[in-house]
C-alpha atoms as a PDB file:
ATOM      1  CA  MET A   1       2.611 146.091  54.734  1.00  0.00           C
ATOM      2  CA  CYS A   2       3.423 145.252  58.669  1.00  0.00           C
ATOM      3  CA  LEU A   3       2.251 147.330  61.207  1.00  0.00           C
ATOM      4  CA  HIS A   4       4.738 148.969  63.772  1.00  0.00           C
ATOM      5  CA  GLU A   5       3.364 150.200  66.992  1.00  0.00           C
ATOM      6  CA  ILE A   6       4.435 153.943  68.249  1.00  0.00           C
ATOM      7  CA  ILE A   7       3.465 155.381  71.033  1.00  0.00           C
ATOM      8  CA  GLY A   8       3.123 159.287  70.943  1.00  0.00           C
ATOM      9  CA  ASP A   9       0.905 162.598  71.648  1.00  0.00           C
ATOM     10  CA  TYR A  10      -2.397 163.369  69.875  1.00  0.00           C
ATOM     11  CA  TRP A  11      -4.082 167.218  69.394  1.00  0.00           C
ATOM     12  CA  THR A  12      -7.649 166.667  68.677  1.00  0.00           C
ATOM     13  CA  GLY A  13      -7.505 170.694  67.973  1.00  0.00           C
ATOM     14  CA  CYS A  14      -5.895 170.333  64.564  1.00  0.00           C
ATOM     15  CA  GLY A  15      -5.770 166.481  64.294  1.00  0.00           C
ATOM     16  CA  HIS A  16      -1.766 166.111  64.725  1.00  0.00           C
ATOM     17  CA  PHE A  17       0.274 163.005  65.969  1.00  0.00           C
ATOM     18  CA  HIS A  18       3.930 163.641  67.413  1.00  0.00           C
ATOM     19  CA  GLY A  19       5.276 159.870  67.312  1.00  0.00           C
ATOM     20  CA  ARG A  20       7.495 159.917  70.393  1.00  0.00           C
ATOM     21  CA  TYR A  21       8.967 155.807  69.664  1.00  0.00           C
ATOM     22  CA  PHE A  22       8.392 152.474  68.411  1.00  0.00           C
ATOM     23  CA  THR A  23       7.311 149.712  70.802  1.00  0.00           C
ATOM     24  CA  GLY A  24       9.114 147.209  69.041  1.00  0.00           C
ATOM     25  CA  VAL A  25       6.271 145.684  69.022  1.00  0.00           C
ATOM     26  CA  THR A  26       4.532 144.586  65.417  1.00  0.00           C
ATOM     27  CA  SER A  27       1.787 143.092  62.769  1.00  0.00           C
ATOM     28  CA  ASP A  28       2.888 140.386  60.385  1.00  0.00           C
ATOM     29  CA  CYS A  29       1.746 140.918  57.067  1.00  0.00           C
ATOM     30  CA  GLY A  30       2.955 138.138  55.914  1.00  0.00           C
ATOM     31  CA  SER A  31       3.662 139.308  52.518  1.00  0.00           C
ATOM     32  CA  SER A  32       6.832 138.014  50.454  1.00  0.00           C
ATOM     33  CA  ARG A  33       7.354 141.360  49.207  1.00  0.00           C
ATOM     34  CA  CYS A  34       7.462 143.376  52.795  1.00  0.00           C
ATOM     35  CA  LYS A  35      10.892 143.507  53.514  1.00  0.00           C
ATOM     36  CA  THR A  36      10.015 144.128  57.869  1.00  0.00           C
ATOM     37  CA  SER A  37       7.740 140.873  57.630  1.00  0.00           C
ATOM     38  CA  THR A  38       9.102 137.451  58.611  1.00  0.00           C
ATOM     39  CA  SER A  39       7.958 135.796  55.118  1.00  0.00           C
ATOM     40  CA  HIS A  40      10.583 138.015  52.940  1.00  0.00           C
ATOM     41  CA  MET A  41      11.516 136.426  50.261  1.00  0.00           C
ATOM     42  CA  HIS A  42      15.231 138.155  49.933  1.00  0.00           C
ATOM     43  CA  LYS A  43      15.845 137.625  53.540  1.00  0.00           C
ATOM     44  CA  THR A  44      19.831 136.985  52.282  1.00  0.00           C
ATOM     45  CA  ALA A  45      20.254 139.635  49.945  1.00  0.00           C
ATOM     46  CA  ARG A  46      21.516 143.126  50.841  1.00  0.00           C
ATOM     47  CA  ASN A  47      20.170 145.019  48.169  1.00  0.00           C
ATOM     48  CA  CYS A  48      16.538 144.063  47.240  1.00  0.00           C
ATOM     49  CA  GLY A  49      14.195 146.108  45.532  1.00  0.00           C
ATOM     50  CA  CYS A  50      11.252 145.248  48.276  1.00  0.00           C
ATOM     51  CA  PRO A  51       9.588 148.346  49.507  1.00  0.00           C
ATOM     52  CA  SER A  52      10.500 149.333  53.364  1.00  0.00           C
ATOM     53  CA  VAL A  53       7.281 151.387  54.247  1.00  0.00           C
ATOM     54  CA  VAL A  54       7.093 151.691  57.810  1.00  0.00           C
ATOM     55  CA  THR A  55       3.528 151.448  58.178  1.00  0.00           C
ATOM     56  CA  GLU A  56       2.484 153.141  61.633  1.00  0.00           C
ATOM     57  CA  ASP A  57      -0.439 151.734  64.329  1.00  0.00           C
ATOM     58  CA  ARG A  58      -0.576 154.567  66.697  1.00  0.00           C
ATOM     59  CA  ARG A  59      -1.212 154.066  70.197  1.00  0.00           C
ATOM     60  CA  VAL A  60      -1.961 158.066  72.272  1.00  0.00           C
ATOM     61  CA  GLN A  61      -0.535 158.598  75.375  1.00  0.00           C
ATOM     62  CA  ASN A  62      -1.174 162.155  75.765  1.00  0.00           C
ATOM     63  CA  LEU A  63      -4.387 163.575  74.328  1.00  0.00           C
ATOM     64  CA  TYR A  64      -4.416 167.405  73.772  1.00  0.00           C
ATOM     65  CA  ARG A  65      -7.696 169.403  73.709  1.00  0.00           C
ATOM     66  CA  THR A  66      -5.920 172.434  71.952  1.00  0.00           C
ATOM     67  CA  PRO A  67      -4.055 172.761  68.400  1.00  0.00           C
ATOM     68  CA  HIS A  68      -0.531 171.780  68.281  1.00  0.00           C
ATOM     69  CA  PRO A  69       2.276 174.775  68.493  1.00  0.00           C
ATOM     70  CA  ASP A  70       3.688 174.425  64.890  1.00  0.00           C
ATOM     71  CA  CYS A  71      -0.561 174.204  63.571  1.00  0.00           C
ATOM     72  CA  VAL A  72      -0.868 177.516  65.429  1.00  0.00           C
ATOM     73  CA  ARG A  73      -1.028 180.379  63.092  1.00  0.00           C
ATOM     74  CA  PRO A  74       0.988 183.293  64.582  1.00  0.00           C
ATOM     75  CA  SER A  75      -1.434 186.728  64.698  1.00  0.00           C
ATOM     76  CA  GLN A  76      -0.450 189.470  62.992  1.00  0.00           C
END
């Protein structure tokens, strides 16, 4: 599958990555069965059965040394 670059924040305390936006930069896999590839075999078909899986190429913009707020357990 093709790689799509995404910029986001990374929390080292829990390993959580929060993607903010896709840059539009892609690495083409060259597969004829990949919908996002320039080599896709069904370029003119509206409803082909090829997978449209987006594989993220993650780029860290902000690095936090704490856990993500969603990963912190509430104290009892």
